[in-house]
Protein backbone atom coordinates (compact mmCIF):
# COMPACT_ATOMS: atom_id res chain seq x y z
CA MET A 1 -11.82 34.57 38.25
CA ASN A 2 -11.17 31.36 40.45
CA PHE A 3 -10.95 27.47 39.16
CA THR A 4 -14.04 27.31 40.29
CA GLN A 5 -15.43 30.11 38.31
CA HIS A 6 -13.66 28.72 35.42
CA LEU A 7 -15.01 25.00 35.80
CA ALA A 8 -18.53 26.22 35.98
CA LEU A 9 -18.10 28.23 32.91
CA ASP A 10 -16.83 25.41 30.58
CA ALA A 11 -19.31 23.16 32.16
CA SER A 12 -21.88 25.70 30.79
CA ARG A 13 -20.26 26.21 28.05
CA ARG A 14 -20.40 22.03 27.41
CA THR A 15 -23.84 21.64 28.42
CA PHE A 16 -24.85 24.20 26.38
CA LEU A 17 -23.09 23.20 22.99
CA LYS A 18 -24.24 19.60 23.90
CA ARG A 19 -27.74 20.42 24.44
CA SER A 20 -27.76 22.65 21.31
CA GLY A 21 -26.48 19.35 19.64
CA TYR A 22 -29.22 16.75 20.59
CA GLY A 23 -31.57 19.93 20.16
CA LEU A 24 -30.87 20.13 16.92
CA GLY A 25 -30.38 15.83 16.01
CA ALA A 26 -34.31 16.24 17.76
CA ALA A 27 -35.49 18.94 14.96
CA ALA A 28 -33.64 16.41 12.50
CA LEU A 29 -35.10 13.38 13.64
CA GLY A 30 -38.46 15.10 14.45
CA MET A 31 -38.88 15.97 10.73
CA LEU A 32 -37.52 12.84 9.67
CA LEU A 33 -40.02 10.67 12.17
CA LYS A 34 -42.87 13.09 10.75
CA THR A 35 -42.37 12.36 7.48
CA GLU A 36 -42.50 8.71 8.21
CA ALA A 37 -45.26 8.53 10.84
CA ALA A 38 -47.44 10.32 8.22
CA GLN A 39 -46.49 8.31 5.48
CA ALA A 40 -47.45 5.39 7.31
CA ALA A 41 -50.66 6.93 8.25
CA LYS A 42 -51.18 7.39 4.96
CA THR A 43 -50.09 4.36 3.63
CA GLU A 44 -52.36 2.12 6.19
CA ALA A 45 -55.48 4.27 5.33
CA ALA A 46 -54.76 3.83 1.85
CA GLN A 47 -54.60 0.33 1.30
CA GLY A 48 -56.62 -1.12 4.25
CA VAL A 49 -55.11 -4.06 5.95
CA ILE A 50 -56.95 -6.63 3.41
CA SER A 51 -54.62 -6.07 0.78
CA PRO A 52 -55.09 -8.05 -1.60
CA LEU A 53 -58.89 -9.00 -1.83
CA HIS A 54 -60.16 -12.05 -0.54
CA HIS A 55 -61.49 -12.09 -3.90
CA ALA A 56 -62.55 -9.79 -6.75
CA ALA A 57 -64.72 -7.18 -6.02
CA LYS A 58 -68.37 -5.78 -7.69
CA ALA A 59 -68.73 -3.07 -6.18
CA LYS A 60 -65.96 0.02 -4.71
CA ARG A 61 -68.26 2.14 -2.86
CA ILE A 62 -71.39 2.24 -0.75
CA ILE A 63 -74.17 4.71 -0.30
CA TRP A 64 -76.02 3.04 2.75
CA LEU A 65 -79.60 5.29 2.42
CA THR A 66 -80.97 4.99 6.15
CA MET A 67 -84.64 5.87 6.73
CA ALA A 68 -84.30 6.95 10.68
CA GLY A 69 -87.42 6.09 12.51
CA GLY A 70 -88.59 2.83 10.96
CA PRO A 71 -90.02 3.19 7.59
CA THR A 72 -93.19 0.99 7.16
CA HIS A 73 -93.20 -1.74 4.87
CA LEU A 74 -96.59 -1.96 4.85
CA GLU A 75 -97.04 0.90 3.01
CA THR A 76 -93.90 1.21 1.00
CA LEU A 77 -93.07 -2.56 -0.05
CA ASP A 78 -94.79 -5.02 0.77
CA TYR A 79 -98.36 -5.28 -0.09
CA LYS A 80 -100.76 -7.46 1.72
CA PRO A 81 -104.22 -7.90 0.72
CA LYS A 82 -104.96 -10.28 3.30
CA LEU A 83 -104.33 -7.75 6.29
CA ALA A 84 -106.40 -5.11 3.68
CA GLU A 85 -109.55 -7.76 4.01
CA MET A 86 -108.95 -8.51 7.69
CA HIS A 87 -108.50 -4.68 8.69
CA GLY A 88 -110.42 -3.91 12.15
CA GLN A 89 -110.96 -7.23 13.38
CA PRO A 90 -108.60 -8.97 15.61
CA MET A 91 -105.41 -9.91 15.03
CA PRO A 92 -104.81 -14.03 14.97
CA GLU A 93 -103.06 -14.77 18.20
CA SER A 94 -101.71 -17.69 16.68
CA LEU A 95 -99.33 -14.93 15.32
CA THR A 96 -98.58 -12.48 18.29
CA LYS A 97 -99.08 -14.82 21.62
CA GLY A 98 -95.57 -14.83 23.43
CA GLN A 99 -94.29 -12.86 21.03
CA GLN A 100 -92.41 -9.33 21.83
CA ILE A 101 -94.41 -6.12 20.66
CA ALA A 102 -93.10 -2.57 21.79
CA GLN A 103 -95.65 -0.22 23.24
CA LEU A 104 -98.56 -2.61 22.07
CA GLN A 105 -97.77 -5.80 24.62
CA GLY A 106 -101.02 -6.16 26.76
CA GLN A 107 -102.95 -4.14 24.46
CA LYS A 108 -105.59 -5.49 22.54
CA LEU A 109 -104.59 -6.18 18.63
CA VAL A 110 -106.41 -5.08 15.48
CA CYS A 111 -105.46 -5.81 12.21
CA PHE A 112 -104.81 -2.50 10.36
CA GLY A 113 -104.66 -2.06 6.44
CA PRO A 114 -102.84 -1.05 4.10
CA GLN A 115 -103.06 2.99 4.43
CA THR A 116 -101.96 3.43 0.44
CA LYS A 117 -102.59 1.99 -2.88
CA PHE A 118 -99.86 0.16 -4.29
CA LYS A 119 -98.85 -0.66 -8.25
CA LYS A 120 -96.76 -2.76 -10.08
CA PHE A 121 -93.74 -1.15 -11.41
CA GLY A 122 -91.20 -2.16 -13.93
CA ASN A 123 -90.43 -5.52 -16.43
CA ALA A 124 -90.55 -8.06 -13.42
CA GLY A 125 -93.73 -6.24 -11.78
CA SER A 126 -92.56 -5.34 -8.56
CA GLU A 127 -95.21 -4.11 -6.54
CA ILE A 128 -94.97 -1.19 -4.66
CA CYS A 129 -96.67 2.08 -2.86
CA GLU A 130 -97.84 3.98 -5.94
CA LEU A 131 -96.63 6.94 -4.47
CA PHE A 132 -93.14 6.32 -5.29
CA GLU A 133 -93.49 6.77 -8.68
CA GLN A 134 -90.20 7.72 -9.44
CA THR A 135 -88.41 5.06 -7.73
CA GLY A 136 -90.94 2.82 -9.47
CA SER A 137 -89.54 3.40 -12.57
CA VAL A 138 -85.88 2.37 -11.61
CA VAL A 139 -87.33 -0.53 -10.05
CA ASP A 140 -86.15 -3.33 -12.49
CA GLU A 141 -82.25 -1.55 -10.80
CA MET A 142 -83.21 -2.67 -7.46
CA CYS A 143 -83.74 -5.90 -5.46
CA ILE A 144 -86.64 -5.60 -2.96
CA ILE A 145 -85.94 -8.09 0.31
CA ARG A 146 -88.79 -8.47 1.75
CA SER A 147 -87.84 -10.53 4.74
CA MET A 148 -85.53 -8.53 7.20
CA THR A 149 -85.55 -9.16 10.56
CA THR A 150 -83.34 -7.42 13.29
CA ASP A 151 -82.85 -8.19 17.15
CA ALA A 152 -83.88 -4.70 18.17
CA ILE A 153 -87.14 -2.83 18.97
CA ASN A 154 -86.28 0.53 20.44
CA HIS A 155 -84.41 3.54 17.91
CA ASP A 156 -81.31 3.51 19.50
CA PRO A 157 -80.36 0.08 19.64
CA ALA A 158 -82.03 -0.99 16.46
CA HIS A 159 -79.71 1.92 14.95
CA MET A 160 -76.68 0.21 16.49
CA PHE A 161 -77.59 -3.22 15.63
CA MET A 162 -78.03 -2.22 11.62
CA ASN A 163 -74.97 -0.22 11.92
CA THR A 164 -72.38 -2.52 14.01
CA GLY A 165 -73.83 -5.74 14.31
CA SER A 166 -74.22 -5.25 18.06
CA GLN A 167 -76.83 -3.63 20.32
CA ILE A 168 -73.84 -2.44 22.07
CA ALA A 169 -72.17 0.46 22.22
CA GLY A 170 -68.98 0.94 21.13
CA ARG A 171 -68.45 -0.99 18.22
CA PRO A 172 -67.31 -0.42 14.80
CA SER A 173 -69.82 1.05 12.12
CA MET A 174 -69.91 -0.59 9.16
CA GLY A 175 -68.79 2.02 7.31
CA SER A 176 -65.67 2.34 9.51
CA TRP A 177 -64.35 -1.32 8.83
CA ALA A 178 -65.08 -0.96 5.14
CA LEU A 179 -62.41 1.88 5.79
CA TYR A 180 -60.19 -0.26 8.15
CA GLY A 181 -60.42 -3.31 5.62
CA LEU A 182 -59.83 -1.78 2.27
CA GLY A 183 -58.63 2.11 3.09
CA ALA A 184 -58.83 5.24 1.36
CA GLU A 185 -59.05 5.91 -2.79
CA VAL A 186 -58.78 9.66 -1.74
CA ASP A 187 -56.37 11.83 0.60
CA ASP A 188 -58.29 15.02 0.31
CA LEU A 189 -61.61 13.62 1.15
CA PRO A 190 -62.70 11.67 4.85
CA GLY A 191 -63.42 7.72 3.28
CA PHE A 192 -66.36 7.63 5.38
CA VAL A 193 -68.63 10.45 5.18
CA VAL A 194 -72.33 11.22 7.11
CA LEU A 195 -74.85 13.13 5.85
CA THR A 196 -77.89 13.45 7.59
CA SER A 197 -81.82 15.68 6.75
CA LEU A 198 -84.85 16.41 8.32
CA GLY A 199 -88.44 15.24 7.21
CA ARG A 200 -91.33 17.55 7.83
CA GLY A 201 -93.28 15.71 10.05
CA GLY A 202 -91.73 16.46 12.92
CA GLN A 203 -90.44 12.86 14.29
CA ASN A 204 -87.03 13.65 14.22
CA GLN A 205 -85.51 11.59 16.77
CA PRO A 206 -81.63 12.59 17.38
CA ILE A 207 -79.24 10.38 15.70
CA ALA A 208 -76.17 10.13 17.98
CA ALA A 209 -72.43 10.28 16.25
CA ARG A 210 -71.71 6.93 17.93
CA GLN A 211 -73.80 5.64 15.06
CA TRP A 212 -70.55 6.33 13.01
CA SER A 213 -67.82 5.42 15.25
CA ALA A 214 -64.71 3.69 14.71
CA GLY A 215 -65.44 1.75 17.85
CA PHE A 216 -62.60 0.18 19.22
CA LEU A 217 -60.83 0.52 15.51
CA PRO A 218 -58.27 3.58 15.23
CA SER A 219 -60.13 6.32 15.51
CA LYS A 220 -59.06 7.53 11.84
CA PHE A 221 -61.96 5.00 10.39
CA GLN A 222 -65.13 6.95 11.81
CA GLY A 223 -67.14 8.70 10.32
CA VAL A 224 -67.24 12.52 9.38
CA HIS A 225 -70.49 14.38 9.82
CA LEU A 226 -70.78 16.99 6.96
CA ARG A 227 -73.32 19.42 7.62
CA SER A 228 -75.88 20.18 4.45
CA LYS A 229 -76.15 23.70 5.28
CA GLY A 230 -73.29 26.62 6.78
CA ASP A 231 -69.94 25.67 7.05
CA PRO A 232 -69.89 21.76 6.34
CA VAL A 233 -67.54 21.18 9.10
CA LEU A 234 -66.85 23.37 11.66
CA TYR A 235 -63.50 25.70 12.03
CA LEU A 236 -63.17 24.33 8.42
CA SER A 237 -62.47 28.25 7.13
CA THR A 238 -59.63 29.67 7.30
CA PRO A 239 -59.19 31.99 10.09
CA PRO A 240 -58.98 35.88 9.68
CA GLY A 241 -55.64 37.37 8.85
CA VAL A 242 -54.36 33.60 8.62
CA SER A 243 -52.78 32.90 5.53
CA ARG A 244 -52.62 29.21 3.80
CA ASP A 245 -48.84 28.92 4.35
CA VAL A 246 -48.81 30.33 7.69
CA GLN A 247 -51.66 27.29 8.19
CA ARG A 248 -49.38 24.57 6.66
CA ASP A 249 -46.55 25.83 8.85
CA VAL A 250 -48.48 25.27 11.87
CA VAL A 251 -49.58 21.56 10.78
CA GLU A 252 -46.33 20.91 10.04
CA THR A 253 -45.00 21.96 13.60
CA ILE A 254 -47.30 20.22 15.07
CA ASN A 255 -47.07 16.97 13.44
CA THR A 256 -43.56 17.32 14.31
CA LEU A 257 -44.21 17.34 17.77
CA ASN A 258 -46.48 14.72 17.86
CA ALA A 259 -44.14 12.54 16.02
CA GLN A 260 -41.80 12.91 18.95
CA GLN A 261 -44.03 11.94 21.14
CA ASP A 262 -45.28 8.84 19.62
CA THR A 263 -41.70 7.76 19.46
CA LEU A 264 -42.21 7.65 23.49
CA VAL A 265 -45.22 6.33 23.87
CA GLY A 266 -45.86 4.34 20.72
CA ASP A 267 -49.48 4.95 20.61
CA PRO A 268 -51.12 4.37 17.56
CA GLU A 269 -54.00 7.43 18.27
CA ILE A 270 -50.71 9.88 17.86
CA ALA A 271 -50.39 8.84 14.50
CA THR A 272 -54.16 9.05 13.64
CA ARG A 273 -53.53 12.75 14.73
CA ILE A 274 -50.74 13.40 12.44
CA ALA A 275 -53.05 12.09 9.42
CA GLN A 276 -56.05 13.70 10.76
CA TYR A 277 -54.14 17.16 11.23
CA GLU A 278 -52.88 16.62 7.36
CA MET A 279 -56.43 15.56 6.04
CA ALA A 280 -58.09 18.78 7.88
CA PHE A 281 -55.72 20.93 6.21
CA LYS A 282 -56.30 19.34 2.84
CA MET A 283 -59.86 19.03 3.10
CA GLN A 284 -60.09 23.37 3.53
CA ALA A 285 -59.84 23.18 0.28
CA SER A 286 -61.56 20.13 -1.35
CA VAL A 287 -64.74 20.28 0.99
CA PRO A 288 -66.07 23.94 0.06
CA GLU A 289 -65.23 22.70 -4.08
CA LEU A 290 -67.45 19.42 -2.92
CA ILE A 291 -70.12 21.33 -1.50
CA ASN A 292 -70.27 24.46 -3.83
CA THR A 293 -72.70 22.67 -6.47
CA SER A 294 -73.39 25.52 -8.40
CA ASN A 295 -71.29 24.65 -11.22
CA GLU A 296 -73.82 21.69 -11.71
CA PRO A 297 -76.26 21.86 -14.83
CA GLN A 298 -79.99 22.89 -13.94
CA HIS A 299 -81.11 19.56 -15.40
CA ILE A 300 -79.38 17.52 -12.58
CA PHE A 301 -81.35 19.81 -10.18
CA ASP A 302 -84.34 19.19 -11.51
CA LEU A 303 -83.67 15.41 -11.79
CA TYR A 304 -83.01 15.18 -7.61
CA GLY A 305 -85.77 17.81 -7.19
CA CYS A 306 -83.77 20.24 -5.19
CA LYS A 307 -81.40 23.88 -5.08
CA PRO A 308 -78.08 23.87 -4.59
CA SER A 309 -77.27 23.10 -0.68
CA ASP A 310 -80.67 23.50 0.70
CA GLY A 311 -80.21 20.86 3.04
CA SER A 312 -82.92 18.30 2.21
CA PHE A 313 -82.75 14.75 1.52
CA ALA A 314 -82.55 15.29 -2.14
CA SER A 315 -79.85 18.06 -1.80
CA ASN A 316 -77.49 15.34 0.23
CA CYS A 317 -78.23 12.64 -2.50
CA LEU A 318 -76.52 14.71 -5.30
CA LEU A 319 -73.89 15.16 -2.63
CA ALA A 320 -73.28 11.59 -2.14
CA ARG A 321 -72.89 10.85 -6.11
CA ARG A 322 -70.35 14.06 -5.84
CA LEU A 323 -68.93 11.95 -2.94
CA ALA A 324 -68.85 8.59 -5.00
CA GLU A 325 -67.30 10.17 -7.87
CA ARG A 326 -64.34 11.91 -5.86
CA GLY A 327 -63.56 8.02 -4.25
CA VAL A 328 -65.26 8.21 -1.09
CA ARG A 329 -65.46 4.74 -0.02
CA PHE A 330 -68.51 4.53 2.33
CA ILE A 331 -71.53 7.39 2.17
CA GLN A 332 -74.37 7.44 4.57
CA LEU A 333 -77.30 9.61 4.52
CA TYR A 334 -79.78 9.92 7.44
CA HIS A 335 -83.11 11.08 6.62
CA LYS A 336 -85.27 10.94 9.37
CA ASP A 337 -89.38 11.48 10.43
CA TRP A 338 -90.33 7.77 9.71
CA ASP A 339 -91.74 7.14 13.35
CA HIS A 340 -95.71 7.08 13.07
CA HIS A 341 -97.18 5.76 15.61
CA GLY A 342 -99.89 7.83 14.07
CA GLY A 343 -101.43 9.38 10.49
CA VAL A 344 -99.41 6.67 9.03
CA GLY A 345 -101.06 7.13 5.74
CA ASP A 346 -100.05 11.10 5.50
CA GLY A 347 -96.76 10.35 6.73
CA VAL A 348 -95.50 7.92 4.07
CA LYS A 349 -96.88 10.35 1.52
CA LEU A 350 -95.19 13.34 2.65
CA LYS A 351 -92.18 10.98 2.86
CA ALA A 352 -92.57 9.81 -1.04
CA GLU A 353 -92.71 13.70 -1.62
CA GLU A 354 -89.43 14.13 0.11
CA ILE A 355 -87.10 11.09 -0.87
CA ASP A 356 -89.25 9.45 -4.14
CA ARG A 357 -87.57 11.82 -6.67
CA ALA A 358 -84.14 12.12 -5.45
CA GLN A 359 -83.55 8.57 -4.31
CA ALA A 360 -84.46 7.21 -8.25
CA ALA A 361 -82.25 10.18 -9.68
CA LEU A 362 -79.58 8.96 -7.74
CA ILE A 363 -79.33 5.47 -9.12
CA LYS A 364 -80.42 7.20 -12.47
CA ASP A 365 -77.25 9.75 -12.35
CA LEU A 366 -74.71 6.94 -11.51
CA LYS A 367 -76.05 4.44 -13.91
CA GLN A 368 -75.45 7.57 -16.89
CA ARG A 369 -72.19 7.94 -15.67
CA ASP A 370 -71.38 4.33 -15.84
CA MET A 371 -70.62 3.96 -11.87
CA LEU A 372 -74.18 2.29 -10.28
CA LYS A 373 -72.24 -1.09 -11.95
CA ASP A 374 -69.29 -0.57 -9.07
CA THR A 375 -71.32 1.56 -6.41
CA LEU A 376 -74.11 -0.32 -3.88
CA ILE A 377 -76.70 1.58 -2.68
CA VAL A 378 -78.83 0.23 0.27
CA TRP A 379 -81.80 1.73 1.63
CA ALA A 380 -82.95 0.37 5.12
CA GLY A 381 -84.42 1.88 8.41
CA GLU A 382 -83.78 0.70 11.31
CA PHE A 383 -86.84 -1.69 11.77
CA GLY A 384 -90.43 -2.06 10.20
CA ARG A 385 -93.90 -1.13 11.59
CA THR A 386 -96.95 -3.61 13.11
CA PRO A 387 -99.80 -4.67 11.39
CA MET A 388 -101.77 -4.02 14.38
CA SER A 389 -103.04 -0.48 14.45
CA GLN A 390 -101.35 1.88 16.95
CA GLY A 391 -103.75 4.96 18.32
CA GLY A 392 -105.98 4.12 15.40
CA ASN A 393 -104.02 5.23 12.68
CA GLY A 394 -100.47 4.19 13.56
CA ARG A 395 -97.94 1.69 13.78
CA ASP A 396 -96.00 0.46 16.51
CA HIS A 397 -92.50 -0.50 16.38
CA HIS A 398 -91.44 -4.20 14.47
CA ASN A 399 -88.49 -6.33 14.01
CA LYS A 400 -89.92 -9.68 13.28
CA GLY A 401 -90.37 -8.58 9.42
CA PHE A 402 -89.90 -5.72 7.10
CA SER A 403 -88.14 -4.56 3.84
CA ILE A 404 -85.20 -3.02 2.84
CA TRP A 405 -83.79 -2.70 -1.12
CA MET A 406 -80.35 -2.60 -3.00
CA ALA A 407 -79.38 -1.84 -6.27
CA GLY A 408 -76.09 -1.66 -8.12
CA GLY A 409 -73.10 -2.65 -6.88
CA GLY A 410 -73.25 -6.89 -8.26
CA ILE A 411 -76.97 -6.92 -7.13
CA LYS A 412 -79.20 -8.67 -9.58
CA GLY A 413 -81.94 -5.58 -10.56
CA GLY A 414 -85.54 -7.06 -10.73
CA LEU A 415 -85.88 -9.00 -8.09
CA ASN A 416 -88.47 -9.22 -5.10
CA TYR A 417 -86.69 -11.73 -2.60
CA GLY A 418 -88.00 -13.34 0.52
CA ALA A 419 -91.55 -12.36 1.58
CA THR A 420 -93.20 -11.93 5.38
CA ASP A 421 -96.22 -14.28 5.90
CA ASP A 422 -100.43 -12.85 4.57
CA PHE A 423 -100.49 -10.27 7.58
CA GLY A 424 -96.74 -8.86 7.23
CA TYR A 425 -96.17 -9.77 10.77
CA ALA A 426 -93.16 -12.12 10.72
CA ALA A 427 -90.78 -13.00 7.87
CA ALA A 428 -91.48 -16.16 6.60
CA THR A 429 -89.09 -17.26 3.56
CA ASN A 430 -85.51 -16.62 2.80
CA VAL A 431 -85.55 -15.03 5.85
CA VAL A 432 -82.75 -12.47 6.06
CA THR A 433 -80.87 -10.69 9.13
CA VAL A 434 -78.99 -7.93 9.28
CA HIS A 435 -75.41 -10.09 9.55
CA ASP A 436 -76.53 -11.59 6.71
CA VAL A 437 -76.49 -8.08 4.93
CA HIS A 438 -73.33 -6.97 6.34
CA ALA A 439 -71.57 -10.21 4.80
CA THR A 440 -73.22 -9.80 1.41
CA MET A 441 -71.70 -6.02 1.78
CA LEU A 442 -68.67 -7.06 2.36
CA HIS A 443 -68.57 -9.76 -0.35
CA LEU A 444 -69.48 -7.39 -3.00
CA LEU A 445 -66.56 -5.19 -1.75
CA GLY A 446 -64.27 -8.59 -2.25
CA VAL A 447 -64.03 -8.99 1.72
CA ASP A 448 -64.58 -12.97 3.17
CA HIS A 449 -66.57 -11.72 6.29
CA ASN A 450 -65.11 -14.87 8.15
CA ARG A 451 -61.66 -13.73 6.89
CA PHE A 452 -62.37 -10.06 8.51
CA SER A 453 -61.76 -9.51 12.06
CA TYR A 454 -60.35 -7.61 14.60
CA LYS A 455 -58.74 -8.61 17.96
CA PHE A 456 -60.65 -7.02 20.79
CA GLN A 457 -61.02 -7.91 24.41
CA GLY A 458 -59.13 -11.54 23.60
CA LEU A 459 -61.76 -12.32 20.46
CA ASP A 460 -61.89 -12.21 17.18
CA ALA A 461 -64.43 -9.25 16.61
CA ARG A 462 -66.37 -9.52 13.47
CA LEU A 463 -68.76 -7.08 11.45
CA SER A 464 -71.05 -9.77 10.63
CA GLY A 465 -70.82 -11.05 14.44
CA VAL A 466 -69.85 -14.73 15.57
CA GLU A 467 -73.31 -16.39 15.52
CA GLY A 468 -73.08 -17.04 11.75
CA ALA A 469 -74.02 -15.21 8.68
CA ASN A 470 -74.75 -15.83 5.23
CA VAL A 471 -73.99 -14.45 2.01
CA LEU A 472 -77.43 -13.64 -0.10
CA LYS A 473 -75.60 -15.38 -3.40
CA ASP A 474 -79.34 -15.65 -4.83
CA ILE A 475 -79.88 -11.77 -4.99
CA LEU A 476 -76.03 -11.68 -6.68
CA ALA A 477 -75.85 -10.85 -10.41
């Protein structure tokens, strides 16, 4: 062996040892970085960016009941005897001239009286549709806001506005804002969960996943859609032949590689990926237990009016209570089929059968568990319906006046706030905007909406917008 061959052999040995040392060091560093990155992501998710809170919170969590399609206030929460009196007569032009009207633009506008009967409920004598008998039994826990307005008049942008405070796609949803600001109370379930259910009337427009997107916030704050039937999350079940220990090893190995990549590029989405791998692994144990309601006593199923995991709105209300018990910060339920361009009377009757008992049960169940006091429940659609008829027995989209209700979590019960005009056309007193609702929601969570922002494209973006929003202090307990 000549000198050159010896030199090459020595060099290769030195290179091997040197590189082996680097590899061992990198592996050790990777494990350390993985732990640190996972811990950092866990800490941020657990604490949120607002610590301490701006002021004492009255609510720890929010359950937002979304009635997708635009429920009619005129057959549910806002009785208008003048409209009933004017049924079939021309709508006063003084109200509608020059106004934006969705599909009735340029058509003859005719008054369309309420298609359901109303009844007074509770100590406060709140007048709501008599079909909502069970809701009426808990009306003294609720504040009915009858002077809501919104900027949008078509479904998708109206959902965007209600969820994000903007009609522009790509903004964070309110659940993402809440999770980003306050963090999570639990580490084996998502802090923001979405549940959906279908109505029986057939008007089930799709709900885009961007409605629970984190937008420009880190993606770990986006909502997680749990399906009501089958596997609640796709690929949740462990593949056949793969043990829990093997899967744990895979997650740790992947997170080690992700941590090494994070040190090179400093991308916050990598820390999110690490945290989400950990979350997904934990959810494989926690979610099946959550969804399995078989351990609930029969009187609870009777209270809600559902069967275990039947995919109904009622079943989702029960799951919402279970999620709240487990510390989930923001729970949003979508119930579709409120788009009553025709047959509004029959449609509301069907909706009452689907939601009345369940939403009342949710309030009763939380109260008996001493949880209603720190759980804010909001019931709202994306807009209301016109007091003018469409197609003879339906109502068009309407954004100038509609109704929502709130309960629990620092809300004054037995209160009717605001009013529309005699026709239910426009909010007339104590006008409430979507931004006002968001500001109030944050206030109850202990957050000053004016001090809660995220730098985006050089501007301080806020859930409550920059146009000006007011906390609805008159409705607070």
